[in-house]
């Protein structure tokens, strides 16, 4: 399914913009990324674009993970994937506390070095995103890619700043773009990754071949 058809079906459902959907679709197509992983899907819009690219490749799959609360969204990921006819390409998980627990299970199952691509758009903090990078690096094959979304996002954003959890944070944590800290301090300095670049709010990293 092409990006314009996905956009036409899903409209402005958050949180992936149509131009972002087309960008990730084209990236997967260009690099032939068949086995994909996604951390954070919310309604499943980004999942639809990724799955659409995999469908166009003709083989592959998407494994995507979010918190249990995403199950109750209207529409939820299952309903979104049904609308675009891409459910057969996707396995999704709802986790009670963190996508990192599911990543641990993948490592226990021996999935090291099996994924071609990971799109990270969840957690948005030093603790979960930093540890996720550590785990994803082991799950990626040599030459595999990671995209970090929301490099400069902070907890001062309108959607979350009034929540009790954010209000309890030290000001420094609320104001710091923590995904960027992960990208600058952990990803770029990791010798197992040999190529990093930014495009808008996305940070790309390629695992050394």
Protein backbone atom coordinates (compact mmCIF):
# COMPACT_ATOMS: atom_id res chain seq x y z
CA UNK A 1 0.00 0.00 0.00
CA UNK A 2 1.47 3.34 -1.06
CA UNK A 3 1.89 6.23 1.42
CA UNK A 4 -0.75 8.42 -0.25
CA UNK A 5 -3.34 5.64 0.10
CA UNK A 6 -2.49 5.23 3.80
CA UNK A 7 -2.77 8.98 4.33
CA UNK A 8 -6.11 9.08 2.52
CA UNK A 9 -7.48 6.32 4.75
CA UNK A 10 -6.11 7.57 8.10
CA UNK A 11 -6.27 11.34 7.59
CA UNK A 12 -4.77 13.38 10.43
CA UNK A 13 -4.84 10.60 13.03
CA UNK A 14 -1.78 11.13 15.28
CA UNK A 15 1.15 10.87 15.55
CA UNK A 16 2.95 10.49 12.23
CA UNK A 17 2.57 13.29 9.68
CA UNK A 18 1.99 12.28 6.05
CA UNK A 19 5.39 13.64 4.98
CA UNK A 20 7.05 11.62 7.75
CA UNK A 21 5.14 8.53 6.68
CA UNK A 22 6.34 8.94 3.12
CA UNK A 23 9.89 9.49 4.36
CA UNK A 24 10.04 6.32 6.46
CA UNK A 25 8.29 4.37 3.68
CA UNK A 26 10.90 5.48 1.14
CA UNK A 27 13.78 4.81 3.54
CA UNK A 28 12.66 1.22 4.08
CA UNK A 29 12.16 0.73 0.34
CA UNK A 30 15.52 2.25 -0.60
CA UNK A 31 17.50 0.12 1.84
CA UNK A 32 15.40 -3.04 1.49
CA UNK A 33 14.71 -3.23 5.23
CA UNK A 34 12.53 -6.32 5.56
CA UNK A 35 12.55 -7.17 9.25
CA UNK A 36 11.49 -4.07 11.16
CA UNK A 37 11.06 -3.20 14.84
CA UNK A 38 9.17 -0.22 16.28
CA UNK A 39 9.15 1.10 19.84
CA UNK A 40 6.04 3.20 20.47
CA UNK A 41 3.06 3.06 18.11
CA UNK A 42 0.13 4.86 19.86
CA UNK A 43 -2.75 4.52 17.33
CA UNK A 44 -0.53 2.63 14.89
CA UNK A 45 -0.21 5.26 12.16
CA UNK A 46 3.56 4.93 11.92
CA UNK A 47 3.11 1.16 11.98
CA UNK A 48 0.85 1.41 8.93
CA UNK A 49 3.45 3.32 6.90
CA UNK A 50 6.20 0.88 7.88
CA UNK A 51 3.98 -2.11 7.10
CA UNK A 52 3.00 -0.54 3.78
CA UNK A 53 6.66 -0.36 2.80
CA UNK A 54 7.19 -3.99 3.80
CA UNK A 55 4.16 -5.05 1.77
CA UNK A 56 5.58 -3.26 -1.27
CA UNK A 57 8.88 -5.12 -0.79
CA UNK A 58 6.87 -8.33 -0.92
CA UNK A 59 8.33 -9.96 2.19
CA UNK A 60 9.28 -9.09 5.75
CA UNK A 61 7.46 -8.13 8.92
CA UNK A 62 7.04 -5.42 11.54
CA UNK A 63 7.22 -6.12 15.27
CA UNK A 64 5.97 -3.15 17.27
CA UNK A 65 5.61 -2.48 21.00
CA UNK A 66 3.78 0.07 23.17
CA UNK A 67 2.26 0.30 26.62
CA UNK A 68 -0.95 -1.40 27.69
CA UNK A 69 -2.83 1.91 27.61
CA UNK A 70 -2.58 1.99 23.80
CA UNK A 71 -4.99 -0.95 23.67
CA UNK A 72 -7.88 1.31 24.71
CA UNK A 73 -7.28 4.10 22.20
CA UNK A 74 -9.99 4.79 19.64
CA UNK A 75 -9.03 3.52 17.15
CA UNK A 76 -6.33 1.19 18.43
CA UNK A 77 -3.55 -0.31 16.34
CA UNK A 78 -5.53 -3.41 15.42
CA UNK A 79 -8.38 -1.30 14.05
CA UNK A 80 -5.99 1.00 12.17
CA UNK A 81 -4.19 -1.91 10.52
CA UNK A 82 -7.52 -3.46 9.55
CA UNK A 83 -8.59 -0.19 7.92
CA UNK A 84 -5.50 -0.15 5.71
CA UNK A 85 -5.44 -3.91 5.15
CA UNK A 86 -1.91 -4.41 6.51
CA UNK A 87 -2.51 -6.44 9.65
CA UNK A 88 -0.92 -9.59 8.21
CA UNK A 89 2.48 -7.88 8.15
CA UNK A 90 2.49 -6.74 11.79
CA UNK A 91 2.88 -8.34 15.22
CA UNK A 92 2.13 -5.93 18.06
CA UNK A 93 2.60 -6.13 21.81
CA UNK A 94 1.08 -4.18 24.71
CA UNK A 95 3.45 -4.06 27.68
CA UNK A 96 2.51 -3.18 31.30
CA UNK A 97 5.54 -0.99 32.06
CA UNK A 98 8.10 -0.73 29.24
CA UNK A 99 8.95 -1.93 25.76
CA UNK A 100 12.37 -2.81 27.16
CA UNK A 101 10.90 -5.85 28.91
CA UNK A 102 9.76 -7.25 25.58
CA UNK A 103 13.22 -6.55 24.13
CA UNK A 104 14.69 -8.61 26.96
CA UNK A 105 12.43 -11.48 25.92
CA UNK A 106 13.59 -11.16 22.32
CA UNK A 107 17.19 -11.52 23.50
CA UNK A 108 16.19 -14.56 25.56
CA UNK A 109 14.64 -16.03 22.40
CA UNK A 110 17.94 -15.66 20.56
CA UNK A 111 16.90 -12.84 18.22
CA UNK A 112 20.26 -11.07 18.37
CA UNK A 113 21.30 -9.70 14.99
CA UNK A 114 17.99 -10.39 13.24
CA UNK A 115 16.33 -6.99 12.72
CA UNK A 116 17.13 -4.70 9.78
CA UNK A 117 15.59 -1.54 11.17
CA UNK A 118 14.19 0.02 14.35
CA UNK A 119 12.06 3.16 14.60
CA UNK A 120 12.08 4.57 18.14
CA UNK A 121 9.24 6.93 19.06
CA UNK A 122 8.46 6.07 22.67
CA UNK A 123 9.70 6.81 26.15
CA UNK A 124 11.39 10.06 25.20
CA UNK A 125 13.65 9.99 28.24
CA UNK A 126 17.24 9.16 29.07
CA UNK A 127 16.29 6.08 31.07
CA UNK A 128 14.04 4.17 28.67
CA UNK A 129 15.47 5.41 25.36
CA UNK A 130 19.06 5.03 26.50
CA UNK A 131 18.54 1.45 27.62
CA UNK A 132 16.45 0.72 24.52
CA UNK A 133 19.41 1.73 22.35
CA UNK A 134 21.64 -0.67 24.28
CA UNK A 135 19.17 -3.51 23.65
CA UNK A 136 18.28 -2.65 20.06
CA UNK A 137 21.97 -2.51 19.15
CA UNK A 138 22.14 -6.21 19.99
CA UNK A 139 18.99 -7.05 18.06
CA UNK A 140 20.11 -5.27 14.86
CA UNK A 141 22.02 -7.10 12.15
CA UNK A 142 25.30 -5.58 10.90
CA UNK A 143 24.34 -2.77 8.52
CA UNK A 144 20.94 -2.32 10.20
CA UNK A 145 19.48 1.11 10.90
CA UNK A 146 17.86 2.97 13.81
CA UNK A 147 15.79 6.15 13.52
CA UNK A 148 15.28 8.15 16.71
CA UNK A 149 12.23 10.42 16.46
CA UNK A 150 11.75 13.66 18.43
CA UNK A 151 15.40 14.52 19.06
CA UNK A 152 14.53 17.87 20.65
CA UNK A 153 11.26 16.94 22.37
CA UNK A 154 11.01 17.91 26.05
CA UNK A 155 8.58 17.24 28.87
CA UNK A 156 7.54 20.90 28.72
CA UNK A 157 5.32 20.06 25.76
CA UNK A 158 1.66 20.97 26.15
CA UNK A 159 0.48 17.35 25.99
CA UNK A 160 2.36 16.20 29.10
CA UNK A 161 3.64 19.13 31.17
CA UNK A 162 0.65 19.24 33.55
CA UNK A 163 0.70 15.54 34.36
CA UNK A 164 1.64 14.59 37.95
CA UNK A 165 4.58 12.55 36.70
CA UNK A 166 6.08 15.48 34.81
CA UNK A 167 5.31 17.96 37.58
CA UNK A 168 7.31 15.77 39.96
CA UNK A 169 10.40 15.88 37.73
CA UNK A 170 13.34 18.16 38.49
CA UNK A 171 13.29 21.20 36.19
CA UNK A 172 16.47 20.06 34.48
CA UNK A 173 14.84 16.79 33.43
CA UNK A 174 11.68 18.54 32.19
CA UNK A 175 13.64 21.01 30.07
CA UNK A 176 16.30 18.71 28.64
CA UNK A 177 15.75 17.10 25.21
CA UNK A 178 16.60 13.65 26.48
CA UNK A 179 16.42 11.76 23.19
CA UNK A 180 19.12 14.08 21.87
CA UNK A 181 21.25 13.27 24.92
CA UNK A 182 20.97 9.59 24.03
CA UNK A 183 21.82 10.30 20.40
CA UNK A 184 24.77 12.60 21.11
CA UNK A 185 26.30 10.82 24.11
CA UNK A 186 25.55 7.15 23.46
CA UNK A 187 24.82 6.57 19.79
CA UNK A 188 27.44 8.76 18.12
CA UNK A 189 30.19 7.51 20.41
CA UNK A 190 29.34 3.82 20.04
CA UNK A 191 32.05 2.12 17.94
CA UNK A 192 29.55 -0.45 16.67
CA UNK A 193 27.76 2.33 14.74
CA UNK A 194 29.69 3.85 11.85
CA UNK A 195 27.34 6.39 10.26
CA UNK A 196 25.01 8.92 11.91
CA UNK A 197 23.13 11.89 10.47
CA UNK A 198 20.14 14.07 11.28
CA UNK A 199 17.14 15.04 9.19
CA UNK A 200 14.74 17.40 10.92
CA UNK A 201 13.78 15.82 14.23
CA UNK A 202 15.03 12.39 13.19
CA UNK A 203 18.44 11.00 14.11
CA UNK A 204 19.70 8.13 11.97
CA UNK A 205 22.33 5.57 12.94
CA UNK A 206 23.71 2.61 11.00
CA UNK A 207 25.26 -0.38 12.69
CA UNK A 208 28.72 -1.17 11.41
CA UNK A 209 28.75 -3.86 8.71
